[in-house]
Structure formats: structure tokens, C-alpha cells
Amino acid sequence: INLVFLHKMHHSRHFILLLVSLVSQNEGRVAGFQSIFDLGSSKSQISKRRTSRSFHDTRTTVVTSSAFPLFATDPSNKSETSNKNQVSADSIFFDIEIQGTPIGRLIFHLTNPSPLPLHAENIVQLAKGSRRGIDPKAHYEGCEFDYSPATIEDGMGRYRWGHSLRGRGRNAIGRADQAIVDRENQLQATHSCFGGQYYGVEYFPPDDETDPGVILTVPVLGPGHGSSKFSIVRVGESPKEWQERLLLNSGAIGKLDPSCLEVLQMMARQLVGPPTVSKAGAFKSGEGE
């Protein structure tokens, strides 16, 4: 384009039409013509626009970077994961009575480090009653297991191979009335089976014939999730078509000591009333109960 010719015509309607055409062809050249002929835009205004654009680009880059951390955790660093997922006790126990008559003790050995450390630690602290001084409902003593035809092993085909205790709905870690959520660990410990998924420790049929395969679980989805509720699930003793499916939507955090199976069977086969926790606690390996 002849710049002299344009300079002579820049006040005319033809010049305006020419600029419109140039805008559609190349926006960058128009910016150049605007700076040459000073068509309502000073150099300072152009500089401000460029500064604004540069800041916008930088801000976009920062947001994008935050979605992908610069320092990712090395999955091979097992010691870091172990410390992070450590639980303060290795075992918990519940002394059971029915209508005031003691029937024995249930002992559960926790997986430690735990794949679901927040849920496991909450059960430990509720068993110990560590918050009982400031929250009289944050413990299990006096709580009853659910009692219905589905919890009675009477050979009528109604038994569901599990016993649940709801607690008092108060947590012993975090806010007492707020459900515990641990999505990161939950995603890392997800297991699929027919019908859906369960979380925490993966279940395998026991090799030891003395191990009944009774699993301690907490609900991580659905009603009562992330609270004081837990369940005792007789996976290994259930019919083959049930087994792992009994764990759906729950998190497995430990298993029953085989020596306590008789107490659990007494709970399941009695017709007197709901089993009640008379005492609960937690201990580390080597400390005793």
C-alpha cells in the first residue's frame, strides 16, 4: 500500500472503508495504521492494552499450573505414606452384653497404616472415648446393635450376615457433627466387585481355616457415612453369591480376631434382644487390652 496515497485519503470515506477491509484481513496491520495515523488511539493506550493482555495471560497460566502441582508426591515414597496413614491404635475391642448379661468380647485388628486413616482413627477415638469429657455422646458404651429379623441367624433365610452399630452420631475427630470425608485415600483404595465398589482393605478369602473372614467396616457412602456407625460383616461365612458384595459402598478397616467368633455367633443366634456395648477401648500391639 502506498503510504503517501493513504495519507492524502485518510479523512475521506474511502479511507474508512479501506481500513474496515484491512481490519477483516489482518488485525495486526490495523494496529500499525492506527499508530501511524493516530486514529483515536495514542501510544499510551496501546501500551495499556498490551500490559492488560500480558497480565491476563500470566494469570491464566497460574490457574492452569495450580491444577497440576509442581511438586507431586512420589508414590514410591512408602515411608511418607505410612506416616501419613498411621493410626494411633492397632486393635479395638467391644465388651458385649444382652439384656444385662455379658456374653464376651469382640476384638478387631486394624490395618495400620490404614488405607482409610481418618475413618479408622475416628472409630479408635470413639472406642477410647477420648472426647467424652467435652462431648458426652462421643463414645460407644451403652450403644445397641441393630436388632431385627435381618440380624438373627435363625435358618429362615432372612439373615444378612452383618451387624451394625450406629453409635450416637458424634465423631471424635474433626467437627463432631460433620461427616468425615477422605476422598483422596478412598480413591487410592477402591476395589470393584459384582454390583459396584468398596474401599479400604481389599478382601481375599482367608488361607487359614481358623480365620472366619469377618471384616470391620465403616460406611463411606450413603446413609450414616463418615459418622460413628460401623458394621461387622461375616464375608467369609456368607454364601458365595454374597461375599464381597456385602462390602459395597463401605470401607474395610480391620478384621475380627478368630478367637472371638463364638461371641459373634452368640450375638447372631440369640432371640433375647439387641446386643449392647458395655465397654470399649483400643490398644497397640504388645500393650495388652
Protein backbone atom coordinates (compact mmCIF):
# COMPACT_ATOMS: atom_id res chain seq x y z
CA ILE A 1 0.00 0.00 0.00
CA ASN A 2 1.28 3.47 -0.91
CA LEU A 3 1.53 5.28 2.42
CA VAL A 4 1.60 8.71 0.76
CA PHE A 5 -1.63 7.88 -1.02
CA LEU A 6 -3.21 6.77 2.22
CA HIS A 7 -2.06 9.90 4.00
CA LYS A 8 -3.88 12.03 1.47
CA MET A 9 -7.07 9.99 1.74
CA HIS A 10 -7.24 9.27 5.46
CA HIS A 11 -10.04 11.86 6.08
CA SER A 12 -12.22 10.57 3.31
CA ARG A 13 -14.98 7.95 3.40
CA HIS A 14 -12.88 5.82 1.05
CA PHE A 15 -10.12 5.67 3.60
CA ILE A 16 -12.54 4.48 6.29
CA LEU A 17 -13.85 1.72 4.01
CA LEU A 18 -10.29 0.71 3.24
CA LEU A 19 -9.48 0.42 6.93
CA VAL A 20 -12.57 -1.72 7.52
CA SER A 21 -11.33 -4.05 4.82
CA LEU A 22 -7.90 -4.15 6.40
CA VAL A 23 -9.41 -4.97 9.79
CA SER A 24 -11.04 -8.08 8.42
CA GLN A 25 -7.81 -9.17 6.73
CA ASN A 26 -5.19 -8.53 9.32
CA GLU A 27 -5.84 -7.05 12.74
CA GLY A 28 -2.14 -6.62 13.40
CA ARG A 29 -1.68 -4.29 10.38
CA VAL A 30 -4.64 -2.16 11.52
CA ALA A 31 -2.92 -1.64 14.84
CA GLY A 32 0.06 -0.38 12.84
CA PHE A 33 -2.09 2.02 10.78
CA GLN A 34 -3.71 3.32 13.95
CA SER A 35 -0.32 4.17 15.39
CA ILE A 36 0.76 5.84 12.12
CA PHE A 37 -2.31 8.00 11.56
CA ASP A 38 -3.31 8.48 15.22
CA LEU A 39 -6.94 7.45 14.59
CA GLY A 40 -8.20 7.99 18.14
CA SER A 41 -5.67 5.70 19.87
CA SER A 42 -2.49 7.04 21.42
CA LYS A 43 0.65 5.06 22.00
CA SER A 44 -0.02 5.09 25.73
CA GLN A 45 -3.43 3.49 25.23
CA ILE A 46 -1.89 0.76 23.10
CA SER A 47 0.72 0.19 25.79
CA LYS A 48 -2.01 -0.13 28.45
CA ARG A 49 -3.87 -2.66 26.34
CA ARG A 50 -0.69 -4.70 25.90
CA THR A 51 0.03 -4.55 29.62
CA SER A 52 -3.51 -5.68 30.41
CA ARG A 53 -3.24 -8.53 27.93
CA SER A 54 0.08 -9.65 29.37
CA PHE A 55 -1.36 -9.73 32.91
CA HIS A 56 -4.36 -11.70 31.72
CA ASP A 57 -2.12 -14.29 30.05
CA THR A 58 0.05 -14.61 33.17
CA ARG A 59 -2.98 -15.06 35.39
CA THR A 60 -4.35 -17.78 33.15
CA THR A 61 -1.03 -19.62 33.30
CA VAL A 62 -1.06 -19.54 37.12
CA VAL A 63 -4.56 -21.00 37.31
CA THR A 64 -3.61 -23.75 34.92
CA SER A 65 -0.48 -24.55 36.90
CA SER A 66 -2.44 -24.90 40.12
CA ALA A 67 -4.36 -27.77 38.58
CA PHE A 68 -1.09 -29.63 38.09
CA PRO A 69 1.12 -29.31 41.21
CA LEU A 70 4.76 -28.57 40.54
CA PHE A 71 5.88 -30.97 43.26
CA ALA A 72 3.96 -34.22 43.02
CA THR A 73 4.26 -36.83 45.78
CA ASP A 74 6.47 -39.71 44.77
CA PRO A 75 4.30 -42.87 45.02
CA SER A 76 7.43 -44.89 45.73
CA ASN A 77 7.96 -42.99 49.00
CA LYS A 78 6.29 -45.57 51.22
CA SER A 79 7.62 -44.12 54.48
CA GLU A 80 5.85 -40.81 53.80
CA THR A 81 2.59 -42.61 53.07
CA SER A 82 2.97 -44.81 56.15
CA ASN A 83 3.43 -41.85 58.47
CA LYS A 84 0.52 -40.03 56.92
CA ASN A 85 -1.83 -43.02 57.26
CA GLN A 86 -0.73 -44.17 60.70
CA VAL A 87 -3.50 -44.85 63.23
CA SER A 88 -2.97 -44.39 66.97
CA ALA A 89 -4.01 -47.97 67.84
CA ASP A 90 -3.63 -51.40 66.27
CA SER A 91 -6.73 -53.01 67.79
CA ILE A 92 -10.07 -52.07 69.31
CA PHE A 93 -12.44 -54.11 71.47
CA PHE A 94 -16.08 -54.16 72.48
CA ASP A 95 -17.47 -56.00 75.50
CA ILE A 96 -20.94 -57.23 74.61
CA GLU A 97 -23.93 -57.90 76.81
CA ILE A 98 -27.52 -58.86 76.09
CA GLN A 99 -30.20 -57.63 78.46
CA GLY A 100 -27.51 -57.00 81.07
CA THR A 101 -25.87 -60.42 80.70
CA PRO A 102 -22.23 -60.34 79.44
CA ILE A 103 -21.52 -62.71 76.55
CA GLY A 104 -17.89 -61.86 75.79
CA ARG A 105 -15.52 -59.54 73.99
CA LEU A 106 -15.07 -58.74 70.29
CA ILE A 107 -11.54 -57.76 69.25
CA PHE A 108 -10.74 -56.25 65.87
CA HIS A 109 -7.24 -55.85 64.48
CA LEU A 110 -6.93 -52.74 62.34
CA THR A 111 -4.83 -52.43 59.23
CA ASN A 112 -2.11 -49.99 60.27
CA PRO A 113 -1.06 -47.90 58.38
CA SER A 114 -4.66 -47.66 57.27
CA PRO A 115 -5.92 -47.11 53.73
CA LEU A 116 -8.70 -45.01 55.32
CA PRO A 117 -6.88 -43.33 58.22
CA LEU A 118 -9.48 -40.70 59.09
CA HIS A 119 -12.33 -43.19 59.34
CA ALA A 120 -10.21 -45.68 61.26
CA GLU A 121 -8.91 -43.07 63.70
CA ASN A 122 -12.45 -41.86 64.35
CA ILE A 123 -13.55 -45.38 65.37
CA VAL A 124 -10.45 -45.73 67.57
CA GLN A 125 -11.11 -42.45 69.39
CA LEU A 126 -14.80 -43.25 69.84
CA ALA A 127 -13.87 -46.65 71.29
CA LYS A 128 -11.47 -44.93 73.69
CA GLY A 129 -13.99 -42.19 74.50
CA SER A 130 -11.25 -39.59 74.17
CA ARG A 131 -13.72 -36.74 73.69
CA ARG A 132 -16.19 -37.90 76.27
CA GLY A 133 -15.17 -35.16 78.69
CA ILE A 134 -16.30 -32.42 76.29
CA ASP A 135 -18.90 -34.37 74.35
CA PRO A 136 -20.84 -36.93 76.43
CA LYS A 137 -22.14 -38.61 73.25
CA ALA A 138 -18.74 -39.27 71.65
CA HIS A 139 -18.33 -42.90 72.75
CA TYR A 140 -19.82 -46.37 72.25
CA GLU A 141 -20.62 -47.54 75.75
CA GLY A 142 -24.33 -48.23 76.09
CA CYS A 143 -24.92 -48.25 72.32
CA GLU A 144 -27.02 -51.06 70.83
CA PHE A 145 -26.51 -53.01 67.64
CA ASP A 146 -29.40 -53.08 65.17
CA TYR A 147 -31.76 -55.91 66.00
CA SER A 148 -34.28 -57.28 63.50
CA PRO A 149 -35.00 -60.49 61.56
CA ALA A 150 -32.16 -59.47 59.20
CA THR A 151 -29.68 -59.70 62.11
CA ILE A 152 -30.86 -63.04 63.51
CA GLU A 153 -29.25 -66.20 62.14
CA ASP A 154 -32.26 -68.49 62.54
CA GLY A 155 -32.08 -70.50 59.31
CA MET A 156 -35.11 -68.73 57.82
CA GLY A 157 -33.13 -67.12 55.01
CA ARG A 158 -33.56 -63.57 56.32
CA TYR A 159 -30.14 -63.16 57.87
CA ARG A 160 -27.91 -60.58 56.11
CA TRP A 161 -24.55 -61.68 57.50
CA GLY A 162 -23.83 -58.43 59.26
CA HIS A 163 -24.38 -56.45 62.45
CA SER A 164 -24.38 -52.66 62.51
CA LEU A 165 -24.00 -50.23 65.37
CA ARG A 166 -24.98 -46.64 64.67
CA GLY A 167 -23.46 -45.03 67.73
CA ARG A 168 -24.73 -41.62 68.75
CA GLY A 169 -23.87 -39.80 65.53
CA ARG A 170 -20.98 -37.86 67.04
CA ASN A 171 -17.44 -38.02 65.69
CA ALA A 172 -14.25 -37.99 67.74
CA ILE A 173 -12.06 -36.23 65.15
CA GLY A 174 -12.81 -33.01 63.32
CA ARG A 175 -16.20 -31.45 63.96
CA ALA A 176 -18.40 -33.78 65.97
CA ASP A 177 -21.46 -33.18 63.78
CA GLN A 178 -19.72 -33.12 60.38
CA ALA A 179 -19.34 -36.24 58.23
CA ILE A 180 -15.76 -37.39 57.67
CA VAL A 181 -14.68 -37.21 54.04
CA ASP A 182 -11.37 -38.67 52.83
CA ARG A 183 -11.75 -38.79 49.05
CA GLU A 184 -8.03 -38.93 48.26
CA ASN A 185 -7.38 -42.10 50.26
CA GLN A 186 -10.73 -43.52 49.26
CA LEU A 187 -9.87 -43.24 45.56
CA GLN A 188 -6.48 -44.86 46.11
CA ALA A 189 -8.10 -47.82 47.87
CA THR A 190 -11.06 -48.59 45.61
CA HIS A 191 -11.97 -52.19 44.81
CA SER A 192 -14.53 -53.42 42.31
CA CYS A 193 -16.79 -56.41 42.70
CA PHE A 194 -20.06 -57.54 41.20
CA GLY A 195 -22.58 -54.76 41.77
CA GLY A 196 -20.23 -51.87 42.50
CA GLN A 197 -17.27 -50.88 44.61
CA TYR A 198 -15.98 -50.92 48.15
CA TYR A 199 -12.99 -49.20 49.74
CA GLY A 200 -10.14 -49.64 52.19
CA VAL A 201 -8.54 -53.05 52.70
CA GLU A 202 -9.11 -55.44 49.81
CA TYR A 203 -10.78 -58.68 50.80
CA PHE A 204 -9.24 -62.04 49.91
CA PRO A 205 -10.65 -65.39 51.06
CA PRO A 206 -8.58 -66.45 54.08
CA ASP A 207 -6.00 -69.21 53.56
CA ASP A 208 -6.15 -70.09 57.24
CA GLU A 209 -9.16 -72.27 58.04
CA THR A 210 -9.32 -70.76 61.51
CA ASP A 211 -9.87 -67.28 60.06
CA PRO A 212 -13.63 -66.72 59.54
CA GLY A 213 -13.11 -63.66 57.31
CA VAL A 214 -15.16 -61.26 59.45
CA ILE A 215 -14.49 -57.66 58.41
CA LEU A 216 -14.92 -54.40 60.34
CA THR A 217 -16.34 -51.73 58.03
CA VAL A 218 -17.47 -48.13 58.09
CA PRO A 219 -19.92 -46.55 55.61
CA VAL A 220 -18.19 -44.11 53.27
CA LEU A 221 -21.21 -43.55 51.01
CA GLY A 222 -24.93 -43.38 51.65
CA PRO A 223 -26.80 -43.10 54.97
CA GLY A 224 -24.62 -42.72 58.04
CA HIS A 225 -21.39 -42.28 56.07
CA GLY A 226 -18.46 -40.62 57.81
CA SER A 227 -20.02 -40.89 61.25
CA SER A 228 -19.93 -43.14 64.32
CA LYS A 229 -21.58 -46.06 62.53
CA PHE A 230 -19.68 -49.28 61.90
CA SER A 231 -20.58 -52.82 60.83
CA ILE A 232 -19.32 -56.33 61.48
CA VAL A 233 -19.60 -58.23 58.21
CA ARG A 234 -19.29 -62.01 58.03
CA VAL A 235 -17.91 -62.09 54.48
CA GLY A 236 -16.07 -65.40 54.69
CA GLU A 237 -19.02 -67.27 56.20
CA SER A 238 -21.63 -65.90 53.81
CA PRO A 239 -22.86 -67.71 50.68
CA LYS A 240 -20.54 -67.36 47.69
CA GLU A 241 -23.04 -65.20 45.83
CA TRP A 242 -22.83 -62.65 48.66
CA GLN A 243 -19.23 -62.44 49.95
CA GLU A 244 -17.57 -59.25 48.64
CA ARG A 245 -20.92 -57.76 47.70
CA LEU A 246 -21.60 -57.36 51.42
CA LEU A 247 -18.88 -54.69 51.43
CA LEU A 248 -20.42 -52.44 48.75
CA ASN A 249 -20.21 -48.69 49.49
CA SER A 250 -18.32 -49.30 52.71
CA GLY A 251 -14.70 -49.09 53.80
CA ALA A 252 -12.92 -52.11 55.25
CA ILE A 253 -10.57 -51.07 58.06
CA GLY A 254 -9.89 -54.26 60.04
CA LYS A 255 -10.89 -57.84 60.83
CA LEU A 256 -12.17 -59.87 63.75
CA ASP A 257 -9.75 -61.87 65.86
CA PRO A 258 -10.66 -65.54 65.15
CA SER A 259 -10.82 -66.27 68.87
CA CYS A 260 -13.89 -64.00 69.13
CA LEU A 261 -16.02 -65.78 66.54
CA GLU A 262 -18.06 -67.59 69.18
CA VAL A 263 -19.13 -64.29 70.74
CA LEU A 264 -20.26 -63.00 67.35
CA GLN A 265 -22.22 -66.19 66.71
CA MET A 266 -23.94 -65.80 70.08
CA MET A 267 -24.94 -62.27 69.08
CA ALA A 268 -26.38 -63.54 65.82
CA ARG A 269 -28.26 -66.56 67.13
CA GLN A 270 -29.92 -65.22 70.27
CA LEU A 271 -33.56 -64.11 70.36
CA VAL A 272 -33.49 -62.12 73.61
CA GLY A 273 -32.80 -58.59 72.37
CA PRO A 274 -30.30 -56.17 70.87
CA PRO A 275 -26.63 -56.72 71.77
CA THR A 276 -25.21 -53.76 73.70
CA VAL A 277 -21.67 -52.45 74.15
CA SER A 278 -20.90 -52.38 77.87
CA LYS A 279 -17.27 -51.28 77.44
CA ALA A 280 -14.98 -50.33 74.57
CA GLY A 281 -11.34 -49.46 74.15
CA ALA A 282 -8.25 -49.52 71.95
CA PHE A 283 -4.66 -50.69 72.32
CA LYS A 284 -1.40 -51.05 70.44
CA SER A 285 0.33 -54.30 69.67
CA GLY A 286 2.23 -55.57 72.69
CA GLU A 287 0.33 -53.36 75.16
CA GLY A 288 -2.47 -55.79 76.02
CA GLU A 289 -6.10 -54.84 76.27
